Amino acid sequence: LRCLPGVRVTVADRAWWRGQGRRRPRLHQVRQT
């Protein structure tokens, strides 16, 4: 996947959300937006 040109992959797991300074939102729609 990372080999494909133009693809930006972010593993947005709970640890990533903590790095964003917030809890991982429970609602999928909130994470999406």
PDB file of all heavy atoms in Angstrom:
ATOM      1  N   LEU A   1       0.826  -1.200   0.000  1.00  0.00           N
ATOM      2  CA  LEU A   1       0.000   0.000   0.000  1.00  0.00           C
ATOM      3  C   LEU A   1       0.862   1.252   0.000  1.00  0.00           C
ATOM      4  O   LEU A   1       0.616   2.210  -0.744  1.00  0.00           O
ATOM      5  CB  LEU A   1      -0.921  -0.020   1.219  1.00  0.00           C
ATOM      6  CG  LEU A   1      -2.062   0.981   1.283  1.00  0.00           C
ATOM      7  CD1 LEU A   1      -3.031   0.782   0.139  1.00  0.00           C
ATOM      8  CD2 LEU A   1      -2.792   0.840   2.612  1.00  0.00           C
ATOM      9  N   ARG A   2       1.901   1.239   0.830  1.00  0.00           N
ATOM     10  CA  ARG A   2       2.784   2.407   0.920  1.00  0.00           C
ATOM     11  C   ARG A   2       3.603   2.592  -0.357  1.00  0.00           C
ATOM     12  O   ARG A   2       4.141   3.682  -0.587  1.00  0.00           O
ATOM     13  CB  ARG A   2       3.704   2.260   2.128  1.00  0.00           C
ATOM     14  CG  ARG A   2       2.965   2.254   3.470  1.00  0.00           C
ATOM     15  CD  ARG A   2       3.970   2.265   4.619  1.00  0.00           C
ATOM     16  NE  ARG A   2       3.359   2.045   5.925  1.00  0.00           N
ATOM     17  CZ  ARG A   2       2.807   3.004   6.672  1.00  0.00           C
ATOM     18  NH1 ARG A   2       2.767   4.240   6.221  1.00  0.00           N
ATOM     19  NH2 ARG A   2       2.293   2.717   7.854  1.00  0.00           N
ATOM     20  N   CYS A   3       3.718   1.546  -1.170  1.00  0.00           N
ATOM     21  CA  CYS A   3       4.459   1.656  -2.437  1.00  0.00           C
ATOM     22  C   CYS A   3       3.674   2.396  -3.508  1.00  0.00           C
ATOM     23  O   CYS A   3       4.259   2.851  -4.504  1.00  0.00           O
ATOM     24  CB  CYS A   3       4.833   0.264  -2.955  1.00  0.00           C
ATOM     25  SG  CYS A   3       6.173  -0.520  -2.064  1.00  0.00           S
ATOM     26  N   LEU A   4       2.379   2.496  -3.333  1.00  0.00           N
ATOM     27  CA  LEU A   4       1.557   3.129  -4.362  1.00  0.00           C
ATOM     28  C   LEU A   4       1.809   4.634  -4.374  1.00  0.00           C
ATOM     29  O   LEU A   4       1.823   5.281  -3.314  1.00  0.00           O
ATOM     30  CB  LEU A   4       0.072   2.852  -4.098  1.00  0.00           C
ATOM     31  CG  LEU A   4      -0.372   1.401  -4.282  1.00  0.00           C
ATOM     32  CD1 LEU A   4      -1.804   1.211  -3.810  1.00  0.00           C
ATOM     33  CD2 LEU A   4      -0.243   0.976  -5.748  1.00  0.00           C
ATOM     34  N   PRO A   5       1.986   5.223  -5.552  1.00  0.00           N
ATOM     35  CA  PRO A   5       2.293   6.662  -5.626  1.00  0.00           C
ATOM     36  C   PRO A   5       1.117   7.503  -5.152  1.00  0.00           C
ATOM     37  O   PRO A   5      -0.027   7.268  -5.532  1.00  0.00           O
ATOM     38  CB  PRO A   5       2.548   6.877  -7.118  1.00  0.00           C
ATOM     39  CG  PRO A   5       1.787   5.776  -7.804  1.00  0.00           C
ATOM     40  CD  PRO A   5       1.882   4.598  -6.880  1.00  0.00           C
ATOM     41  N   GLY A   6       1.404   8.468  -4.282  1.00  0.00           N
ATOM     42  CA  GLY A   6       0.357   9.379  -3.823  1.00  0.00           C
ATOM     43  C   GLY A   6      -0.428   8.902  -2.631  1.00  0.00           C
ATOM     44  O   GLY A   6      -1.297   9.621  -2.136  1.00  0.00           O
ATOM     45  N   VAL A   7      -0.145   7.685  -2.143  1.00  0.00           N
ATOM     46  CA  VAL A   7      -0.890   7.160  -1.006  1.00  0.00           C
ATOM     47  C   VAL A   7      -0.254   7.624   0.294  1.00  0.00           C
ATOM     48  O   VAL A   7       0.957   7.503   0.492  1.00  0.00           O
ATOM     49  CB  VAL A   7      -0.952   5.621  -1.053  1.00  0.00           C
ATOM     50  CG1 VAL A   7      -1.565   5.065   0.237  1.00  0.00           C
ATOM     51  CG2 VAL A   7      -1.763   5.164  -2.252  1.00  0.00           C
ATOM     52  N   ARG A   8      -1.070   8.178   1.184  1.00  0.00           N
ATOM     53  CA  ARG A   8      -0.633   8.606   2.511  1.00  0.00           C
ATOM     54  C   ARG A   8      -1.371   7.760   3.539  1.00  0.00           C
ATOM     55  O   ARG A   8      -2.585   7.840   3.656  1.00  0.00           O
ATOM     56  CB  ARG A   8      -0.965  10.085   2.758  1.00  0.00           C
ATOM     57  CG  ARG A   8      -0.691  11.020   1.586  1.00  0.00           C
ATOM     58  CD  ARG A   8       0.786  11.360   1.467  1.00  0.00           C
ATOM     59  NE  ARG A   8       0.996  12.522   0.624  1.00  0.00           N
ATOM     60  CZ  ARG A   8       1.253  12.479  -0.680  1.00  0.00           C
ATOM     61  NH1 ARG A   8       1.285  11.305  -1.306  1.00  0.00           N
ATOM     62  NH2 ARG A   8       1.480  13.583  -1.370  1.00  0.00           N
ATOM     63  N   VAL A   9      -0.632   6.923   4.258  1.00  0.00           N
ATOM     64  CA  VAL A   9      -1.236   6.010   5.232  1.00  0.00           C
ATOM     65  C   VAL A   9      -0.974   6.518   6.645  1.00  0.00           C
ATOM     66  O   VAL A   9       0.174   6.765   7.019  1.00  0.00           O
ATOM     67  CB  VAL A   9      -0.681   4.579   5.083  1.00  0.00           C
ATOM     68  CG1 VAL A   9      -1.307   3.660   6.128  1.00  0.00           C
ATOM     69  CG2 VAL A   9      -0.940   4.047   3.677  1.00  0.00           C
ATOM     70  N   THR A  10      -2.040   6.666   7.418  1.00  0.00           N
ATOM     71  CA  THR A  10      -1.935   7.031   8.829  1.00  0.00           C
ATOM     72  C   THR A  10      -2.625   5.956   9.655  1.00  0.00           C
ATOM     73  O   THR A  10      -3.815   5.706   9.465  1.00  0.00           O
ATOM     74  CB  THR A  10      -2.611   8.395   9.107  1.00  0.00           C
ATOM     75  OG1 THR A  10      -1.995   9.410   8.307  1.00  0.00           O
ATOM     76  CG2 THR A  10      -2.503   8.759  10.575  1.00  0.00           C
ATOM     77  N   VAL A  11      -1.891   5.287  10.520  1.00  0.00           N
ATOM     78  CA  VAL A  11      -2.493   4.316  11.425  1.00  0.00           C
ATOM     79  C   VAL A  11      -3.061   5.092  12.615  1.00  0.00           C
ATOM     80  O   VAL A  11      -2.345   5.461  13.550  1.00  0.00           O
ATOM     81  CB  VAL A  11      -1.468   3.264  11.886  1.00  0.00           C
ATOM     82  CG1 VAL A  11      -2.127   2.287  12.868  1.00  0.00           C
ATOM     83  CG2 VAL A  11      -0.910   2.505  10.681  1.00  0.00           C
ATOM     84  N   ALA A  12      -4.358   5.356  12.551  1.00  0.00           N
ATOM     85  CA  ALA A  12      -5.013   6.223  13.544  1.00  0.00           C
ATOM     86  C   ALA A  12      -5.600   5.376  14.662  1.00  0.00           C
ATOM     87  O   ALA A  12      -6.813   5.389  14.921  1.00  0.00           O
ATOM     88  CB  ALA A  12      -6.085   7.072  12.862  1.00  0.00           C
ATOM     89  N   ASP A  13      -4.720   4.649  15.353  1.00  0.00           N
ATOM     90  CA  ASP A  13      -5.166   3.833  16.473  1.00  0.00           C
ATOM     91  C   ASP A  13      -5.230   4.695  17.740  1.00  0.00           C
ATOM     92  O   ASP A  13      -5.038   5.914  17.689  1.00  0.00           O
ATOM     93  CB  ASP A  13      -4.250   2.625  16.655  1.00  0.00           C
ATOM     94  CG  ASP A  13      -2.776   3.020  16.800  1.00  0.00           C
ATOM     95  OD1 ASP A  13      -2.494   4.216  17.005  1.00  0.00           O
ATOM     96  OD2 ASP A  13      -1.922   2.123  16.698  1.00  0.00           O
ATOM     97  N   ARG A  14      -5.474   4.058  18.866  1.00  0.00           N
ATOM     98  CA  ARG A  14      -5.640   4.831  20.113  1.00  0.00           C
ATOM     99  C   ARG A  14      -4.379   5.610  20.473  1.00  0.00           C
ATOM    100  O   ARG A  14      -4.450   6.747  20.954  1.00  0.00           O
ATOM    101  CB  ARG A  14      -6.047   3.893  21.250  1.00  0.00           C
ATOM    102  CG  ARG A  14      -7.422   3.279  21.053  1.00  0.00           C
ATOM    103  CD  ARG A  14      -7.858   2.428  22.237  1.00  0.00           C
ATOM    104  NE  ARG A  14      -9.125   1.769  21.963  1.00  0.00           N
ATOM    105  CZ  ARG A  14     -10.319   2.337  22.077  1.00  0.00           C
ATOM    106  NH1 ARG A  14     -10.405   3.594  22.488  1.00  0.00           N
ATOM    107  NH2 ARG A  14     -11.418   1.673  21.804  1.00  0.00           N
ATOM    108  N   ALA A  15      -3.223   4.996  20.213  1.00  0.00           N
ATOM    109  CA  ALA A  15      -1.970   5.696  20.509  1.00  0.00           C
ATOM    110  C   ALA A  15      -1.835   6.944  19.643  1.00  0.00           C
ATOM    111  O   ALA A  15      -1.367   7.995  20.115  1.00  0.00           O
ATOM    112  CB  ALA A  15      -0.778   4.756  20.280  1.00  0.00           C
ATOM    113  N   TRP A  16      -2.238   6.843  18.401  1.00  0.00           N
ATOM    114  CA  TRP A  16      -2.162   8.005  17.508  1.00  0.00           C
ATOM    115  C   TRP A  16      -3.081   9.122  18.006  1.00  0.00           C
ATOM    116  O   TRP A  16      -2.693  10.293  18.024  1.00  0.00           O
ATOM    117  CB  TRP A  16      -2.545   7.605  16.087  1.00  0.00           C
ATOM    118  CG  TRP A  16      -2.498   8.737  15.102  1.00  0.00           C
ATOM    119  CD1 TRP A  16      -1.404   9.213  14.435  1.00  0.00           C
ATOM    120  CD2 TRP A  16      -3.611   9.540  14.654  1.00  0.00           C
ATOM    121  NE1 TRP A  16      -1.758  10.256  13.592  1.00  0.00           N
ATOM    122  CE2 TRP A  16      -3.108  10.485  13.711  1.00  0.00           C
ATOM    123  CE3 TRP A  16      -4.971   9.558  14.939  1.00  0.00           C
ATOM    124  CZ2 TRP A  16      -3.923  11.419  13.074  1.00  0.00           C
ATOM    125  CZ3 TRP A  16      -5.781  10.487  14.304  1.00  0.00           C
ATOM    126  CH2 TRP A  16      -5.257  11.413  13.383  1.00  0.00           C
ATOM    127  N   TRP A  17      -4.274   8.746  18.451  1.00  0.00           N
ATOM    128  CA  TRP A  17      -5.201   9.765  18.946  1.00  0.00           C
ATOM    129  C   TRP A  17      -4.646  10.448  20.198  1.00  0.00           C
ATOM    130  O   TRP A  17      -4.814  11.656  20.371  1.00  0.00           O
ATOM    131  CB  TRP A  17      -6.575   9.152  19.227  1.00  0.00           C
ATOM    132  CG  TRP A  17      -7.388   8.946  17.984  1.00  0.00           C
ATOM    133  CD1 TRP A  17      -7.578   7.786  17.294  1.00  0.00           C
ATOM    134  CD2 TRP A  17      -8.098   9.952  17.255  1.00  0.00           C
ATOM    135  NE1 TRP A  17      -8.373   7.998  16.192  1.00  0.00           N
ATOM    136  CE2 TRP A  17      -8.710   9.308  16.140  1.00  0.00           C
ATOM    137  CE3 TRP A  17      -8.299  11.318  17.433  1.00  0.00           C
ATOM    138  CZ2 TRP A  17      -9.492  10.007  15.224  1.00  0.00           C
ATOM    139  CZ3 TRP A  17      -9.083  12.012  16.520  1.00  0.00           C
ATOM    140  CH2 TRP A  17      -9.657  11.356  15.425  1.00  0.00           C
ATOM    141  N   ARG A  18      -3.985   9.661  21.051  1.00  0.00           N
ATOM    142  CA  ARG A  18      -3.378  10.286  22.232  1.00  0.00           C
ATOM    143  C   ARG A  18      -2.322  11.298  21.802  1.00  0.00           C
ATOM    144  O   ARG A  18      -2.173  12.356  22.422  1.00  0.00           O
ATOM    145  CB  ARG A  18      -2.756   9.206  23.129  1.00  0.00           C
ATOM    146  CG  ARG A  18      -3.771   8.397  23.917  1.00  0.00           C
ATOM    147  CD  ARG A  18      -3.114   7.633  25.063  1.00  0.00           C
ATOM    148  NE  ARG A  18      -2.152   6.646  24.573  1.00  0.00           N
ATOM    149  CZ  ARG A  18      -2.465   5.391  24.269  1.00  0.00           C
ATOM    150  NH1 ARG A  18      -3.714   4.965  24.390  1.00  0.00           N
ATOM    151  NH2 ARG A  18      -1.528   4.548  23.854  1.00  0.00           N
ATOM    152  N   GLY A  19      -1.592  10.976  20.743  1.00  0.00           N
ATOM    153  CA  GLY A  19      -0.610  11.917  20.212  1.00  0.00           C
ATOM    154  C   GLY A  19      -1.238  13.177  19.659  1.00  0.00           C
ATOM    155  O   GLY A  19      -0.577  14.222  19.545  1.00  0.00           O
ATOM    156  N   GLN A  20      -2.533  13.095  19.290  1.00  0.00           N
ATOM    157  CA  GLN A  20      -3.265  14.269  18.820  1.00  0.00           C
ATOM    158  C   GLN A  20      -3.807  15.099  19.980  1.00  0.00           C
ATOM    159  O   GLN A  20      -4.457  16.131  19.766  1.00  0.00           O
ATOM    160  CB  GLN A  20      -4.438  13.838  17.914  1.00  0.00           C
ATOM    161  CG  GLN A  20      -4.042  13.012  16.703  1.00  0.00           C
ATOM    162  CD  GLN A  20      -3.165  13.789  15.761  1.00  0.00           C
ATOM    163  OE1 GLN A  20      -3.544  14.850  15.255  1.00  0.00           O
ATOM    164  NE2 GLN A  20      -1.960  13.268  15.521  1.00  0.00           N
ATOM    165  N   GLY A  21      -3.564  14.616  21.205  1.00  0.00           N
ATOM    166  CA  GLY A  21      -4.011  15.360  22.378  1.00  0.00           C
ATOM    167  C   GLY A  21      -5.463  15.156  22.722  1.00  0.00           C
ATOM    168  O   GLY A  21      -6.063  15.985  23.418  1.00  0.00           O
ATOM    169  N   ARG A  22      -6.034  14.033  22.296  1.00  0.00           N
ATOM    170  CA  ARG A  22      -7.439  13.783  22.613  1.00  0.00           C
ATOM    171  C   ARG A  22      -7.700  12.280  22.635  1.00  0.00           C
ATOM    172  O   ARG A  22      -6.911  11.481  22.120  1.00  0.00           O
ATOM    173  CB  ARG A  22      -8.364  14.445  21.579  1.00  0.00           C
ATOM    174  CG  ARG A  22      -8.147  13.982  20.149  1.00  0.00           C
ATOM    175  CD  ARG A  22      -9.063  14.695  19.183  1.00  0.00           C
ATOM    176  NE  ARG A  22     -10.458  14.401  19.436  1.00  0.00           N
ATOM    177  CZ  ARG A  22     -11.455  14.879  18.698  1.00  0.00           C
ATOM    178  NH1 ARG A  22     -11.203  15.707  17.675  1.00  0.00           N
ATOM    179  NH2 ARG A  22     -12.707  14.584  18.970  1.00  0.00           N
ATOM    180  N   ARG A  23      -8.818  11.920  23.267  1.00  0.00           N
ATOM    181  CA  ARG A  23      -9.223  10.522  23.255  1.00  0.00           C
ATOM    182  C   ARG A  23      -9.738  10.149  21.864  1.00  0.00           C
ATOM    183  O   ARG A  23     -10.240  10.984  21.123  1.00  0.00           O
ATOM    184  CB  ARG A  23     -10.331  10.279  24.266  1.00  0.00           C
ATOM    185  CG  ARG A  23      -9.878  10.273  25.720  1.00  0.00           C
ATOM    186  CD  ARG A  23     -11.037   9.868  26.613  1.00  0.00           C
ATOM    187  NE  ARG A  23     -10.637   9.749  28.005  1.00  0.00           N
ATOM    188  CZ  ARG A  23     -11.470   9.370  28.964  1.00  0.00           C
ATOM    189  NH1 ARG A  23     -12.736   9.090  28.667  1.00  0.00           N
ATOM    190  NH2 ARG A  23     -11.045   9.276  30.204  1.00  0.00           N
ATOM    191  N   ARG A  24      -9.618   8.881  21.553  1.00  0.00           N
ATOM    192  CA  ARG A  24     -10.183   8.389  20.294  1.00  0.00           C
ATOM    193  C   ARG A  24     -11.705   8.502  20.366  1.00  0.00           C
ATOM    194  O   ARG A  24     -12.334   7.934  21.256  1.00  0.00           O
ATOM    195  CB  ARG A  24      -9.788   6.932  20.077  1.00  0.00           C
ATOM    196  CG  ARG A  24     -10.340   6.283  18.814  1.00  0.00           C
ATOM    197  CD  ARG A  24      -9.826   4.856  18.752  1.00  0.00           C
ATOM    198  NE  ARG A  24     -10.212   4.179  17.539  1.00  0.00           N
ATOM    199  CZ  ARG A  24     -11.299   3.411  17.411  1.00  0.00           C
ATOM    200  NH1 ARG A  24     -12.124   3.265  18.453  1.00  0.00           N
ATOM    201  NH2 ARG A  24     -11.551   2.810  16.277  1.00  0.00           N
ATOM    202  N   PRO A  25     -12.329   9.264  19.463  1.00  0.00           N
ATOM    203  CA  PRO A  25     -13.786   9.404  19.504  1.00  0.00           C
ATOM    204  C   PRO A  25     -14.476   8.057  19.327  1.00  0.00           C
ATOM    205  O   PRO A  25     -14.056   7.233  18.507  1.00  0.00           O
ATOM    206  CB  PRO A  25     -14.093  10.336  18.324  1.00  0.00           C
ATOM    207  CG  PRO A  25     -12.811  11.073  18.087  1.00  0.00           C
ATOM    208  CD  PRO A  25     -11.720  10.105  18.421  1.00  0.00           C
ATOM    209  N   ARG A  26     -15.511   7.819  20.105  1.00  0.00           N
ATOM    210  CA  ARG A  26     -16.224   6.541  20.011  1.00  0.00           C
ATOM    211  C   ARG A  26     -16.966   6.435  18.688  1.00  0.00           C
ATOM    212  O   ARG A  26     -16.979   5.368  18.050  1.00  0.00           O
ATOM    213  CB  ARG A  26     -17.203   6.402  21.178  1.00  0.00           C
ATOM    214  CG  ARG A  26     -18.142   5.205  21.049  1.00  0.00           C
ATOM    215  CD  ARG A  26     -19.014   5.042  22.278  1.00  0.00           C
ATOM    216  NE  ARG A  26     -18.259   4.398  23.346  1.00  0.00           N
ATOM    217  CZ  ARG A  26     -18.788   4.100  24.535  1.00  0.00           C
ATOM    218  NH1 ARG A  26     -20.035   4.427  24.802  1.00  0.00           N
ATOM    219  NH2 ARG A  26     -18.060   3.505  25.451  1.00  0.00           N
ATOM    220  N   LEU A  27     -17.596   7.513  18.249  1.00  0.00           N
ATOM    221  CA  LEU A  27     -18.388   7.474  17.020  1.00  0.00           C
ATOM    222  C   LEU A  27     -17.484   7.494  15.791  1.00  0.00           C
ATOM    223  O   LEU A  27     -16.612   8.349  15.649  1.00  0.00           O
ATOM    224  CB  LEU A  27     -19.360   8.647  16.961  1.00  0.00           C
ATOM    225  CG  LEU A  27     -20.564   8.618  17.898  1.00  0.00           C
ATOM    226  CD1 LEU A  27     -21.399   9.871  17.721  1.00  0.00           C
ATOM    227  CD2 LEU A  27     -21.413   7.372  17.664  1.00  0.00           C
ATOM    228  N   HIS A  28     -17.731   6.536  14.902  1.00  0.00           N
ATOM    229  CA  HIS A  28     -16.964   6.460  13.658  1.00  0.00           C
ATOM    230  C   HIS A  28     -17.108   7.741  12.846  1.00  0.00           C
ATOM    231  O   HIS A  28     -16.144   8.227  12.248  1.00  0.00           O
ATOM    232  CB  HIS A  28     -17.437   5.249  12.847  1.00  0.00           C
ATOM    233  CG  HIS A  28     -16.703   5.044  11.568  1.00  0.00           C
ATOM    234  ND1 HIS A  28     -15.338   4.838  11.512  1.00  0.00           N
ATOM    235  CD2 HIS A  28     -17.141   5.014  10.278  1.00  0.00           C
ATOM    236  CE1 HIS A  28     -14.967   4.679  10.254  1.00  0.00           C
ATOM    237  NE2 HIS A  28     -16.032   4.789   9.490  1.00  0.00           N
ATOM    238  N   GLN A  29     -18.313   8.320  12.843  1.00  0.00           N
ATOM    239  CA  GLN A  29     -18.534   9.532  12.052  1.00  0.00           C
ATOM    240  C   GLN A  29     -17.670  10.694  12.535  1.00  0.00           C
ATOM    241  O   GLN A  29     -17.219  11.513  11.732  1.00  0.00           O
ATOM    242  CB  GLN A  29     -20.018   9.938  12.094  1.00  0.00           C
ATOM    243  CG  GLN A  29     -20.953   8.930  11.441  1.00  0.00           C
ATOM    244  CD  GLN A  29     -21.528   7.957  12.443  1.00  0.00           C
ATOM    245  OE1 GLN A  29     -20.881   7.614  13.437  1.00  0.00           O
ATOM    246  NE2 GLN A  29     -22.753   7.505  12.189  1.00  0.00           N
ATOM    247  N   VAL A  30     -17.444  10.766  13.849  1.00  0.00           N
ATOM    248  CA  VAL A  30     -16.604  11.841  14.389  1.00  0.00           C
ATOM    249  C   VAL A  30     -15.157  11.636  13.959  1.00  0.00           C
ATOM    250  O   VAL A  30     -14.457  12.588  13.581  1.00  0.00           O
ATOM    251  CB  VAL A  30     -16.731  11.899  15.922  1.00  0.00           C
ATOM    252  CG1 VAL A  30     -15.791  12.954  16.502  1.00  0.00           C
ATOM    253  CG2 VAL A  30     -18.175  12.202  16.330  1.00  0.00           C
ATOM    254  N   ARG A  31     -14.698  10.393  14.003  1.00  0.00           N
ATOM    255  CA  ARG A  31     -13.337  10.111  13.539  1.00  0.00           C
ATOM    256  C   ARG A  31     -13.211  10.430  12.053  1.00  0.00           C
ATOM    257  O   ARG A  31     -12.214  11.017  11.608  1.00  0.00           O
ATOM    258  CB  ARG A  31     -12.977   8.643  13.793  1.00  0.00           C
ATOM    259  CG  ARG A  31     -13.023   8.255  15.270  1.00  0.00           C
ATOM    260  CD  ARG A  31     -12.309   6.942  15.541  1.00  0.00           C
ATOM    261  NE  ARG A  31     -12.860   5.812  14.819  1.00  0.00           N
ATOM    262  CZ  ARG A  31     -13.870   5.076  15.227  1.00  0.00           C
ATOM    263  NH1 ARG A  31     -14.499   5.368  16.359  1.00  0.00           N
ATOM    264  NH2 ARG A  31     -14.287   4.035  14.527  1.00  0.00           N
ATOM    265  N   GLN A  32     -14.213  10.062  11.275  1.00  0.00           N
ATOM    266  CA  GLN A  32     -14.185  10.329   9.837  1.00  0.00           C
ATOM    267  C   GLN A  32     -14.051  11.822   9.538  1.00  0.00           C
ATOM    268  O   GLN A  32     -13.216  12.238   8.722  1.00  0.00           O
ATOM    269  CB  GLN A  32     -15.463   9.806   9.175  1.00  0.00           C
ATOM    270  CG  GLN A  32     -15.523   8.307   8.975  1.00  0.00           C
ATOM    271  CD  GLN A  32     -16.825   7.909   8.321  1.00  0.00           C
ATOM    272  OE1 GLN A  32     -17.913   8.186   8.824  1.00  0.00           O
ATOM    273  NE2 GLN A  32     -16.737   7.269   7.171  1.00  0.00           N
ATOM    274  N   THR A  33     -14.897  12.628  10.157  1.00  0.00           N
ATOM    275  CA  THR A  33     -14.897  14.051   9.830  1.00  0.00           C
ATOM    276  C   THR A  33     -13.621  14.730  10.316  1.00  0.00           C
ATOM    277  O   THR A  33     -13.098  15.629   9.646  1.00  0.00           O
ATOM    278  CB  THR A  33     -16.131  14.755  10.422  1.00  0.00           C
ATOM    279  OG1 THR A  33     -16.203  14.499  11.834  1.00  0.00           O
ATOM    280  CG2 THR A  33     -17.402  14.236   9.773  1.00  0.00           C
TER     281      THR A  33
END
